């Protein structure tokens, strides 16, 4: 028989581990240059800079961040659907 209190403890430990990983990734930044386009993005997928020809482009930066957010929301929704089918008893 499964112990629900142990399962809650395990889930809490996994949540804490995920938060620690997210915080560690937030502190990292990655730079990509292709031709005259330069992009800086954090490890948690937040685009902080888009430059084209050395000039920042806020519209492109915001559009990329919005696209990433929509993708993450869709993935979270699919994960929630899948987790409904998991029997934790």
N, C-alpha and C. Protein backbone atom coordinates (compact mmCIF):
# COMPACT_ATOMS: atom_id res chain seq x y z
N UNK A 1 0.85 -1.19 0.00
CA UNK A 1 0.00 0.00 0.00
C UNK A 1 0.89 1.24 0.00
N UNK A 2 0.53 2.18 -0.84
CA UNK A 2 1.31 3.41 -0.94
C UNK A 2 1.01 4.34 0.23
N UNK A 3 2.05 4.98 0.71
CA UNK A 3 1.92 5.92 1.82
C UNK A 3 1.74 7.32 1.23
N UNK A 4 0.54 7.93 1.37
CA UNK A 4 0.31 9.24 0.76
C UNK A 4 1.19 10.33 1.37
N UNK A 5 1.57 10.20 2.64
CA UNK A 5 2.42 11.22 3.25
C UNK A 5 3.83 11.16 2.68
N UNK A 6 4.31 9.95 2.40
CA UNK A 6 5.63 9.81 1.79
C UNK A 6 5.60 10.38 0.38
N UNK A 7 4.50 10.12 -0.34
CA UNK A 7 4.39 10.63 -1.71
C UNK A 7 4.37 12.15 -1.70
N UNK A 8 3.68 12.76 -0.73
CA UNK A 8 3.68 14.22 -0.64
C UNK A 8 5.08 14.75 -0.36
N UNK A 9 5.81 14.05 0.51
CA UNK A 9 7.18 14.45 0.81
C UNK A 9 8.07 14.34 -0.42
N UNK A 10 7.90 13.27 -1.20
CA UNK A 10 8.66 13.08 -2.42
C UNK A 10 8.35 14.18 -3.43
N UNK A 11 7.07 14.52 -3.55
CA UNK A 11 6.67 15.58 -4.48
C UNK A 11 7.23 16.92 -4.04
N UNK A 12 7.23 17.18 -2.74
CA UNK A 12 7.78 18.43 -2.22
C UNK A 12 9.28 18.50 -2.51
N UNK A 13 9.98 17.40 -2.33
CA UNK A 13 11.42 17.36 -2.61
C UNK A 13 11.68 17.62 -4.09
N UNK A 14 10.87 17.04 -4.97
CA UNK A 14 11.03 17.27 -6.41
C UNK A 14 10.75 18.72 -6.76
N UNK A 15 9.75 19.31 -6.12
CA UNK A 15 9.42 20.73 -6.37
C UNK A 15 10.58 21.62 -5.96
N UNK A 16 11.16 21.34 -4.79
CA UNK A 16 12.30 22.13 -4.32
C UNK A 16 13.49 21.99 -5.26
N UNK A 17 13.72 20.78 -5.75
CA UNK A 17 14.82 20.54 -6.67
C UNK A 17 14.59 21.29 -7.98
N UNK A 18 13.36 21.28 -8.48
CA UNK A 18 13.03 22.00 -9.71
C UNK A 18 13.23 23.50 -9.53
N UNK A 19 12.85 24.03 -8.38
CA UNK A 19 13.03 25.45 -8.11
C UNK A 19 14.51 25.81 -8.06
N UNK A 20 15.33 24.95 -7.46
CA UNK A 20 16.77 25.20 -7.38
C UNK A 20 17.39 25.19 -8.77
N UNK A 21 16.96 24.26 -9.62
CA UNK A 21 17.46 24.20 -10.98
C UNK A 21 17.05 25.46 -11.74
N UNK A 22 15.80 25.88 -11.57
CA UNK A 22 15.31 27.08 -12.25
C UNK A 22 16.10 28.31 -11.83
N UNK A 23 16.41 28.44 -10.54
CA UNK A 23 17.19 29.58 -10.06
C UNK A 23 18.60 29.54 -10.62
N UNK A 24 19.19 28.35 -10.70
CA UNK A 24 20.54 28.23 -11.26
C UNK A 24 20.55 28.62 -12.73
N UNK A 25 19.54 28.19 -13.47
CA UNK A 25 19.46 28.52 -14.89
C UNK A 25 19.23 30.01 -15.11
N UNK A 26 18.47 30.62 -14.22
CA UNK A 26 18.16 32.04 -14.35
C UNK A 26 19.44 32.88 -14.33
N UNK A 27 20.45 32.41 -13.61
CA UNK A 27 21.71 33.14 -13.51
C UNK A 27 22.62 32.96 -14.71
N UNK A 28 22.29 32.04 -15.60
CA UNK A 28 23.12 31.80 -16.78
C UNK A 28 22.57 32.59 -17.96
N UNK A 29 23.48 32.99 -18.86
CA UNK A 29 23.07 33.71 -20.06
C UNK A 29 23.83 33.14 -21.24
N UNK A 30 23.14 33.01 -22.35
CA UNK A 30 23.72 32.45 -23.56
C UNK A 30 23.63 33.47 -24.69
N UNK A 31 24.69 33.54 -25.47
CA UNK A 31 24.75 34.48 -26.59
C UNK A 31 24.91 33.71 -27.88
N UNK A 32 24.12 34.11 -28.89
CA UNK A 32 24.20 33.51 -30.21
C UNK A 32 24.31 34.64 -31.23
N UNK A 33 25.24 34.47 -32.16
CA UNK A 33 25.37 35.44 -33.25
C UNK A 33 25.28 34.70 -34.57
N UNK A 34 24.38 35.17 -35.43
CA UNK A 34 24.25 34.63 -36.77
C UNK A 34 24.20 35.83 -37.71
N UNK A 35 25.20 35.94 -38.55
CA UNK A 35 25.29 37.11 -39.42
C UNK A 35 25.37 38.37 -38.58
N UNK A 36 24.46 39.30 -38.82
CA UNK A 36 24.47 40.55 -38.04
C UNK A 36 23.42 40.55 -36.92
N UNK A 37 22.93 39.35 -36.56
CA UNK A 37 21.92 39.23 -35.51
C UNK A 37 22.58 38.63 -34.26
N UNK A 38 22.36 39.29 -33.14
CA UNK A 38 22.89 38.84 -31.84
C UNK A 38 21.72 38.69 -30.87
N UNK A 39 21.67 37.54 -30.19
CA UNK A 39 20.61 37.28 -29.22
C UNK A 39 21.23 36.84 -27.91
N UNK A 40 20.76 37.43 -26.82
CA UNK A 40 21.12 37.00 -25.47
C UNK A 40 19.86 36.43 -24.83
N UNK A 41 20.01 35.23 -24.23
CA UNK A 41 18.87 34.57 -23.60
C UNK A 41 19.34 33.94 -22.30
N UNK A 42 18.49 34.00 -21.28
CA UNK A 42 18.83 33.39 -20.00
C UNK A 42 18.54 31.89 -20.06
N UNK A 43 19.06 31.18 -19.09
CA UNK A 43 18.84 29.74 -19.03
C UNK A 43 17.39 29.36 -18.80
N UNK A 44 16.58 30.31 -18.31
CA UNK A 44 15.15 30.00 -18.14
C UNK A 44 14.33 30.55 -19.31
N UNK A 45 14.98 30.71 -20.44
CA UNK A 45 14.36 31.04 -21.72
C UNK A 45 13.74 32.43 -21.78
N UNK A 46 14.38 33.40 -21.16
CA UNK A 46 13.94 34.79 -21.27
C UNK A 46 14.94 35.53 -22.15
N UNK A 47 14.48 36.00 -23.31
CA UNK A 47 15.35 36.74 -24.22
C UNK A 47 15.55 38.14 -23.65
N UNK A 48 16.81 38.50 -23.39
CA UNK A 48 17.10 39.79 -22.79
C UNK A 48 17.56 40.82 -23.82
N UNK A 49 18.03 40.35 -24.99
CA UNK A 49 18.51 41.29 -26.01
C UNK A 49 18.42 40.67 -27.39
N UNK A 50 17.92 41.44 -28.34
CA UNK A 50 17.99 41.10 -29.76
C UNK A 50 18.58 42.31 -30.45
N UNK A 51 19.70 42.12 -31.13
CA UNK A 51 20.33 43.19 -31.90
C UNK A 51 20.43 42.75 -33.36
N UNK A 52 20.15 43.71 -34.23
CA UNK A 52 20.31 43.49 -35.67
C UNK A 52 21.19 44.61 -36.19
N UNK A 53 22.35 44.24 -36.71
CA UNK A 53 23.28 45.25 -37.20
C UNK A 53 23.77 46.15 -36.08
N UNK A 54 23.85 45.63 -34.87
CA UNK A 54 24.33 46.40 -33.73
C UNK A 54 23.27 47.26 -33.06
N UNK A 55 22.05 47.24 -33.59
CA UNK A 55 20.97 48.05 -33.02
C UNK A 55 19.95 47.15 -32.33
N UNK A 56 19.59 47.48 -31.08
CA UNK A 56 18.59 46.66 -30.38
C UNK A 56 17.24 46.74 -31.07
N UNK A 57 16.51 45.64 -31.03
CA UNK A 57 15.17 45.59 -31.61
C UNK A 57 14.20 45.05 -30.57
N UNK A 58 13.51 45.94 -29.89
CA UNK A 58 12.59 45.56 -28.80
C UNK A 58 11.38 44.78 -29.30
N UNK A 59 10.89 45.11 -30.50
CA UNK A 59 9.72 44.39 -31.03
C UNK A 59 10.03 42.92 -31.25
N UNK A 60 11.18 42.62 -31.83
CA UNK A 60 11.57 41.23 -32.07
C UNK A 60 11.80 40.53 -30.73
N UNK A 61 12.46 41.20 -29.79
CA UNK A 61 12.72 40.60 -28.47
C UNK A 61 11.40 40.23 -27.80
N UNK A 62 10.44 41.14 -27.82
CA UNK A 62 9.15 40.88 -27.18
C UNK A 62 8.39 39.78 -27.90
N UNK A 63 8.45 39.77 -29.24
CA UNK A 63 7.75 38.73 -30.00
C UNK A 63 8.32 37.35 -29.70
N UNK A 64 9.65 37.25 -29.60
CA UNK A 64 10.27 35.97 -29.29
C UNK A 64 9.87 35.52 -27.88
N UNK A 65 9.91 36.43 -26.90
CA UNK A 65 9.51 36.09 -25.54
C UNK A 65 8.05 35.64 -25.48
N UNK A 66 7.18 36.31 -26.22
CA UNK A 66 5.77 35.92 -26.26
C UNK A 66 5.60 34.53 -26.86
N UNK A 67 6.35 34.23 -27.93
CA UNK A 67 6.27 32.91 -28.55
C UNK A 67 6.76 31.83 -27.58
N UNK A 68 7.84 32.09 -26.87
CA UNK A 68 8.35 31.14 -25.90
C UNK A 68 7.32 30.90 -24.80
N UNK A 69 6.70 31.98 -24.31
CA UNK A 69 5.70 31.86 -23.25
C UNK A 69 4.51 31.02 -23.70
N UNK A 70 4.03 31.24 -24.93
CA UNK A 70 2.91 30.45 -25.45
C UNK A 70 3.28 28.98 -25.53
N UNK A 71 4.50 28.71 -25.99
CA UNK A 71 4.97 27.34 -26.09
C UNK A 71 5.04 26.68 -24.72
N UNK A 72 5.54 27.40 -23.73
CA UNK A 72 5.63 26.87 -22.37
C UNK A 72 4.25 26.61 -21.78
N UNK A 73 3.30 27.52 -22.04
CA UNK A 73 1.94 27.33 -21.54
C UNK A 73 1.28 26.11 -22.17
N UNK A 74 1.51 25.90 -23.47
CA UNK A 74 0.95 24.73 -24.15
C UNK A 74 1.55 23.46 -23.57
N UNK A 75 2.85 23.46 -23.32
CA UNK A 75 3.51 22.29 -22.74
C UNK A 75 2.97 22.01 -21.34
N UNK A 76 2.78 23.06 -20.55
CA UNK A 76 2.25 22.89 -19.19
C UNK A 76 0.83 22.32 -19.24
N UNK A 77 0.04 22.78 -20.19
CA UNK A 77 -1.32 22.26 -20.34
C UNK A 77 -1.33 20.79 -20.70
N UNK A 78 -0.45 20.39 -21.61
CA UNK A 78 -0.37 18.98 -22.00
C UNK A 78 0.10 18.13 -20.82
N UNK A 79 1.06 18.63 -20.06
CA UNK A 79 1.55 17.91 -18.89
C UNK A 79 0.45 17.75 -17.85
N UNK A 80 -0.36 18.78 -17.66
CA UNK A 80 -1.47 18.71 -16.71
C UNK A 80 -2.48 17.65 -17.16
N UNK A 81 -2.76 17.59 -18.47
CA UNK A 81 -3.67 16.58 -18.99
C UNK A 81 -3.14 15.18 -18.73
N UNK A 82 -1.85 14.98 -18.97
CA UNK A 82 -1.23 13.67 -18.76
C UNK A 82 -1.24 13.28 -17.29
N UNK A 83 -1.00 14.24 -16.43
CA UNK A 83 -0.92 13.92 -15.00
C UNK A 83 -2.28 13.58 -14.39
N UNK A 84 -3.35 14.00 -15.04
CA UNK A 84 -4.71 13.65 -14.57
C UNK A 84 -4.91 12.15 -14.62
N UNK A 85 -4.26 11.51 -15.58
CA UNK A 85 -4.43 10.07 -15.75
C UNK A 85 -3.57 9.23 -14.83
N UNK A 86 -2.70 9.86 -14.06
CA UNK A 86 -1.82 9.12 -13.16
C UNK A 86 -2.54 8.87 -11.85
N UNK A 87 -2.63 7.62 -11.47
CA UNK A 87 -3.29 7.26 -10.22
C UNK A 87 -2.25 7.19 -9.12
N UNK A 88 -2.34 8.07 -8.13
CA UNK A 88 -1.36 8.13 -7.05
C UNK A 88 -1.77 7.32 -5.83
N UNK A 89 -2.75 6.45 -5.96
CA UNK A 89 -3.18 5.63 -4.82
C UNK A 89 -2.63 4.25 -4.92
